[in-house]
């Protein structure tokens, strides 16, 4: 019990975020990875999802599948996480997120967190996220994509 309490205190001191919040964010990230993989994995091409940044009820995730890559905007809904948009570099722009209904402060936080997370990845992986052309709105009721 003492060790658990010390670990929680150390977590807050080192990161400024309580351990429970870190654990919740990790759980959300794992769930988001599962949503993307279950939506887009094929028998011949698995989707790799990283990084995932979460802010309240929204998340941004980078993904690659074979020689393709992109980013996704995901939103928490009553039934869980749902993919809202798939795009490339457009999702690095807070204005794109605001146009998709994300509050301005949340859009700024997500894009800043994404930039920080991507800065820690190999440049070749980040370059793959730019390969997705256009902006695709996902119909969360049917799972179908609609190009825009």
C-alpha atoms as a PDB file:
ATOM      1  CA  UNK A   1       0.000   0.000   0.000  1.00  0.00           C
ATOM      2  CA  UNK A   2       2.823   2.409   0.857  1.00  0.00           C
ATOM      3  CA  UNK A   3       4.614   1.624  -2.394  1.00  0.00           C
ATOM      4  CA  UNK A   4       1.431   2.304  -4.378  1.00  0.00           C
ATOM      5  CA  UNK A   5       0.987   5.663  -2.614  1.00  0.00           C
ATOM      6  CA  UNK A   6       4.620   6.605  -3.251  1.00  0.00           C
ATOM      7  CA  UNK A   7       4.296   5.703  -6.923  1.00  0.00           C
ATOM      8  CA  UNK A   8       1.201   7.892  -7.233  1.00  0.00           C
ATOM      9  CA  UNK A   9       2.980  10.840  -5.591  1.00  0.00           C
ATOM     10  CA  UNK A  10       6.025  10.334  -7.823  1.00  0.00           C
ATOM     11  CA  UNK A  11       3.766  10.231 -10.850  1.00  0.00           C
ATOM     12  CA  UNK A  12       2.213  13.591 -10.005  1.00  0.00           C
ATOM     13  CA  UNK A  13       5.575  15.162  -9.177  1.00  0.00           C
ATOM     14  CA  UNK A  14       7.232  13.946 -12.374  1.00  0.00           C
ATOM     15  CA  UNK A  15       4.425  14.604 -14.811  1.00  0.00           C
ATOM     16  CA  UNK A  16       2.005  16.944 -13.084  1.00  0.00           C
ATOM     17  CA  UNK A  17      -0.762  14.459 -13.893  1.00  0.00           C
ATOM     18  CA  UNK A  18      -2.268  12.116 -11.290  1.00  0.00           C
ATOM     19  CA  UNK A  19      -1.573   8.418 -11.872  1.00  0.00           C
ATOM     20  CA  UNK A  20      -5.303   7.690 -12.204  1.00  0.00           C
ATOM     21  CA  UNK A  21      -5.571  10.243 -15.024  1.00  0.00           C
ATOM     22  CA  UNK A  22      -2.491   8.765 -16.727  1.00  0.00           C
ATOM     23  CA  UNK A  23      -4.024   5.306 -16.450  1.00  0.00           C
ATOM     24  CA  UNK A  24      -7.339   6.572 -17.865  1.00  0.00           C
ATOM     25  CA  UNK A  25      -5.541   8.237 -20.801  1.00  0.00           C
ATOM     26  CA  UNK A  26      -3.618   5.017 -21.468  1.00  0.00           C
ATOM     27  CA  UNK A  27      -6.880   3.061 -21.436  1.00  0.00           C
ATOM     28  CA  UNK A  28      -8.444   5.560 -23.863  1.00  0.00           C
ATOM     29  CA  UNK A  29      -5.416   5.312 -26.153  1.00  0.00           C
ATOM     30  CA  UNK A  30      -5.620   1.519 -26.145  1.00  0.00           C
ATOM     31  CA  UNK A  31      -9.348   1.658 -26.907  1.00  0.00           C
ATOM     32  CA  UNK A  32      -8.744   4.128 -29.745  1.00  0.00           C
ATOM     33  CA  UNK A  33      -6.044   1.860 -31.200  1.00  0.00           C
ATOM     34  CA  UNK A  34      -8.527  -1.011 -31.081  1.00  0.00           C
ATOM     35  CA  UNK A  35     -11.225   1.057 -32.829  1.00  0.00           C
ATOM     36  CA  UNK A  36      -8.870   1.990 -35.677  1.00  0.00           C
ATOM     37  CA  UNK A  37      -7.506  -1.533 -36.013  1.00  0.00           C
ATOM     38  CA  UNK A  38     -10.949  -3.168 -35.939  1.00  0.00           C
ATOM     39  CA  UNK A  39     -12.181  -0.695 -38.559  1.00  0.00           C
ATOM     40  CA  UNK A  40      -9.263  -0.805 -40.998  1.00  0.00           C
ATOM     41  CA  UNK A  41      -7.184  -3.954 -40.429  1.00  0.00           C
ATOM     42  CA  UNK A  42      -7.293  -6.419 -43.301  1.00  0.00           C
ATOM     43  CA  UNK A  43      -5.961  -9.983 -43.454  1.00  0.00           C
ATOM     44  CA  UNK A  44      -3.006  -8.721 -45.494  1.00  0.00           C
ATOM     45  CA  UNK A  45      -2.376  -5.297 -43.923  1.00  0.00           C
ATOM     46  CA  UNK A  46      -2.428  -4.478 -40.244  1.00  0.00           C
ATOM     47  CA  UNK A  47      -2.897  -0.891 -39.047  1.00  0.00           C
ATOM     48  CA  UNK A  48      -0.222   0.507 -36.727  1.00  0.00           C
ATOM     49  CA  UNK A  49      -1.589   3.309 -34.524  1.00  0.00           C
ATOM     50  CA  UNK A  50       0.796   5.730 -32.818  1.00  0.00           C
ATOM     51  CA  UNK A  51       0.836   8.352 -31.492  1.00  0.00           C
ATOM     52  CA  UNK A  52      -2.550   8.807 -29.825  1.00  0.00           C
ATOM     53  CA  UNK A  53      -3.240  12.038 -27.968  1.00  0.00           C
ATOM     54  CA  UNK A  54      -6.412  12.426 -25.907  1.00  0.00           C
ATOM     55  CA  UNK A  55      -8.021  15.586 -24.566  1.00  0.00           C
ATOM     56  CA  UNK A  56     -11.361  15.111 -22.859  1.00  0.00           C
ATOM     57  CA  UNK A  57     -13.780  13.636 -25.406  1.00  0.00           C
ATOM     58  CA  UNK A  58     -11.545  14.033 -28.469  1.00  0.00           C
ATOM     59  CA  UNK A  59      -8.388  12.364 -29.697  1.00  0.00           C
ATOM     60  CA  UNK A  60      -5.996  12.522 -32.617  1.00  0.00           C
ATOM     61  CA  UNK A  61      -4.137   9.450 -33.808  1.00  0.00           C
ATOM     62  CA  UNK A  62      -1.471   8.830 -36.402  1.00  0.00           C
ATOM     63  CA  UNK A  63      -1.697   5.568 -38.309  1.00  0.00           C
ATOM     64  CA  UNK A  64       0.127   3.604 -40.965  1.00  0.00           C
ATOM     65  CA  UNK A  65      -0.936   0.610 -43.005  1.00  0.00           C
ATOM     66  CA  UNK A  66       1.616  -0.786 -45.396  1.00  0.00           C
ATOM     67  CA  UNK A  67       2.950   2.142 -47.444  1.00  0.00           C
ATOM     68  CA  UNK A  68      -0.024   4.376 -46.560  1.00  0.00           C
ATOM     69  CA  UNK A  69      -0.567   6.578 -43.537  1.00  0.00           C
ATOM     70  CA  UNK A  70      -2.681   9.366 -42.159  1.00  0.00           C
ATOM     71  CA  UNK A  71      -4.272  10.834 -39.083  1.00  0.00           C
ATOM     72  CA  UNK A  72      -7.701  10.400 -37.522  1.00  0.00           C
ATOM     73  CA  UNK A  73      -9.917  12.590 -35.368  1.00  0.00           C
ATOM     74  CA  UNK A  74     -11.821  10.458 -32.892  1.00  0.00           C
ATOM     75  CA  UNK A  75     -14.626  11.484 -30.533  1.00  0.00           C
ATOM     76  CA  UNK A  76     -15.973   9.834 -27.408  1.00  0.00           C
ATOM     77  CA  UNK A  77     -19.680   9.149 -27.711  1.00  0.00           C
ATOM     78  CA  UNK A  78     -22.131   7.365 -25.445  1.00  0.00           C
ATOM     79  CA  UNK A  79     -21.259   4.026 -27.057  1.00  0.00           C
ATOM     80  CA  UNK A  80     -17.486   4.566 -26.944  1.00  0.00           C
ATOM     81  CA  UNK A  81     -14.936   6.136 -29.275  1.00  0.00           C
ATOM     82  CA  UNK A  82     -15.906   6.805 -32.908  1.00  0.00           C
ATOM     83  CA  UNK A  83     -13.798   7.965 -35.864  1.00  0.00           C
ATOM     84  CA  UNK A  84     -14.989  11.376 -37.088  1.00  0.00           C
ATOM     85  CA  UNK A  85     -12.436  12.299 -39.770  1.00  0.00           C
ATOM     86  CA  UNK A  86      -9.484  10.778 -41.568  1.00  0.00           C
ATOM     87  CA  UNK A  87      -6.971  13.070 -43.244  1.00  0.00           C
ATOM     88  CA  UNK A  88      -3.303  13.820 -43.556  1.00  0.00           C
ATOM     89  CA  UNK A  89      -1.686  17.072 -42.525  1.00  0.00           C
ATOM     90  CA  UNK A  90      -5.036  18.868 -42.271  1.00  0.00           C
ATOM     91  CA  UNK A  91      -5.530  17.327 -38.823  1.00  0.00           C
ATOM     92  CA  UNK A  92      -2.405  19.097 -37.578  1.00  0.00           C
ATOM     93  CA  UNK A  93      -4.343  22.357 -38.002  1.00  0.00           C
ATOM     94  CA  UNK A  94      -6.595  23.549 -35.159  1.00  0.00           C
ATOM     95  CA  UNK A  95      -8.864  25.285 -37.692  1.00  0.00           C
ATOM     96  CA  UNK A  96      -9.715  21.926 -39.279  1.00  0.00           C
ATOM     97  CA  UNK A  97     -10.633  20.569 -35.855  1.00  0.00           C
ATOM     98  CA  UNK A  98     -12.775  23.629 -35.087  1.00  0.00           C
ATOM     99  CA  UNK A  99     -14.586  23.167 -38.408  1.00  0.00           C
ATOM    100  CA  UNK A 100     -15.314  19.591 -37.306  1.00  0.00           C
ATOM    101  CA  UNK A 101     -16.964  20.849 -34.128  1.00  0.00           C
ATOM    102  CA  UNK A 102     -14.087  20.755 -31.647  1.00  0.00           C
ATOM    103  CA  UNK A 103     -14.029  23.736 -29.258  1.00  0.00           C
ATOM    104  CA  UNK A 104     -11.202  26.202 -29.973  1.00  0.00           C
ATOM    105  CA  UNK A 105      -9.254  25.560 -26.755  1.00  0.00           C
ATOM    106  CA  UNK A 106      -9.557  21.794 -27.192  1.00  0.00           C
ATOM    107  CA  UNK A 107      -8.459  22.041 -30.845  1.00  0.00           C
ATOM    108  CA  UNK A 108      -5.369  24.026 -29.824  1.00  0.00           C
ATOM    109  CA  UNK A 109      -4.522  21.530 -27.087  1.00  0.00           C
ATOM    110  CA  UNK A 110      -4.931  18.514 -29.362  1.00  0.00           C
ATOM    111  CA  UNK A 111      -2.777  19.938 -32.145  1.00  0.00           C
ATOM    112  CA  UNK A 112      -0.072  20.996 -29.667  1.00  0.00           C
ATOM    113  CA  UNK A 113      -0.100  17.566 -28.004  1.00  0.00           C
ATOM    114  CA  UNK A 114       0.042  15.876 -31.415  1.00  0.00           C
ATOM    115  CA  UNK A 115       2.998  18.006 -32.514  1.00  0.00           C
ATOM    116  CA  UNK A 116       4.845  17.108 -29.315  1.00  0.00           C
ATOM    117  CA  UNK A 117       4.080  13.391 -29.658  1.00  0.00           C
ATOM    118  CA  UNK A 118       5.068  13.317 -33.332  1.00  0.00           C
ATOM    119  CA  UNK A 119       8.333  15.117 -32.587  1.00  0.00           C
ATOM    120  CA  UNK A 120       9.394  12.031 -30.637  1.00  0.00           C
ATOM    121  CA  UNK A 121       8.818   9.649 -33.571  1.00  0.00           C
ATOM    122  CA  UNK A 122      11.196   8.806 -36.422  1.00  0.00           C
ATOM    123  CA  UNK A 123      10.803  11.399 -39.221  1.00  0.00           C
ATOM    124  CA  UNK A 124      10.050   8.622 -41.737  1.00  0.00           C
ATOM    125  CA  UNK A 125       6.977   7.557 -39.743  1.00  0.00           C
ATOM    126  CA  UNK A 126       5.700  11.131 -39.388  1.00  0.00           C
ATOM    127  CA  UNK A 127       6.151  11.648 -43.144  1.00  0.00           C
ATOM    128  CA  UNK A 128       3.829   8.694 -43.768  1.00  0.00           C
ATOM    129  CA  UNK A 129       0.991  10.510 -41.946  1.00  0.00           C
ATOM    130  CA  UNK A 130       1.093  13.112 -44.746  1.00  0.00           C
ATOM    131  CA  UNK A 131       0.367  10.525 -47.436  1.00  0.00           C
ATOM    132  CA  UNK A 132      -3.382  10.592 -46.854  1.00  0.00           C
ATOM    133  CA  UNK A 133      -4.890  12.951 -49.416  1.00  0.00           C
ATOM    134  CA  UNK A 134      -8.129  14.801 -48.821  1.00  0.00           C
ATOM    135  CA  UNK A 135     -10.462  14.817 -45.874  1.00  0.00           C
ATOM    136  CA  UNK A 136     -12.801  11.888 -45.290  1.00  0.00           C
ATOM    137  CA  UNK A 137     -15.766  12.220 -42.956  1.00  0.00           C
ATOM    138  CA  UNK A 138     -16.735   8.954 -41.329  1.00  0.00           C
ATOM    139  CA  UNK A 139     -20.404   8.046 -40.958  1.00  0.00           C
ATOM    140  CA  UNK A 140     -20.296   6.646 -37.449  1.00  0.00           C
ATOM    141  CA  UNK A 141     -23.744   5.051 -37.775  1.00  0.00           C
ATOM    142  CA  UNK A 142     -22.778   2.814 -40.701  1.00  0.00           C
ATOM    143  CA  UNK A 143     -18.979   2.795 -40.566  1.00  0.00           C
ATOM    144  CA  UNK A 144     -18.809   4.089 -44.148  1.00  0.00           C
ATOM    145  CA  UNK A 145     -16.527   6.884 -45.276  1.00  0.00           C
ATOM    146  CA  UNK A 146     -17.627   9.952 -47.198  1.00  0.00           C
ATOM    147  CA  UNK A 147     -15.035  11.958 -49.162  1.00  0.00           C
ATOM    148  CA  UNK A 148     -14.944  15.745 -48.922  1.00  0.00           C
END
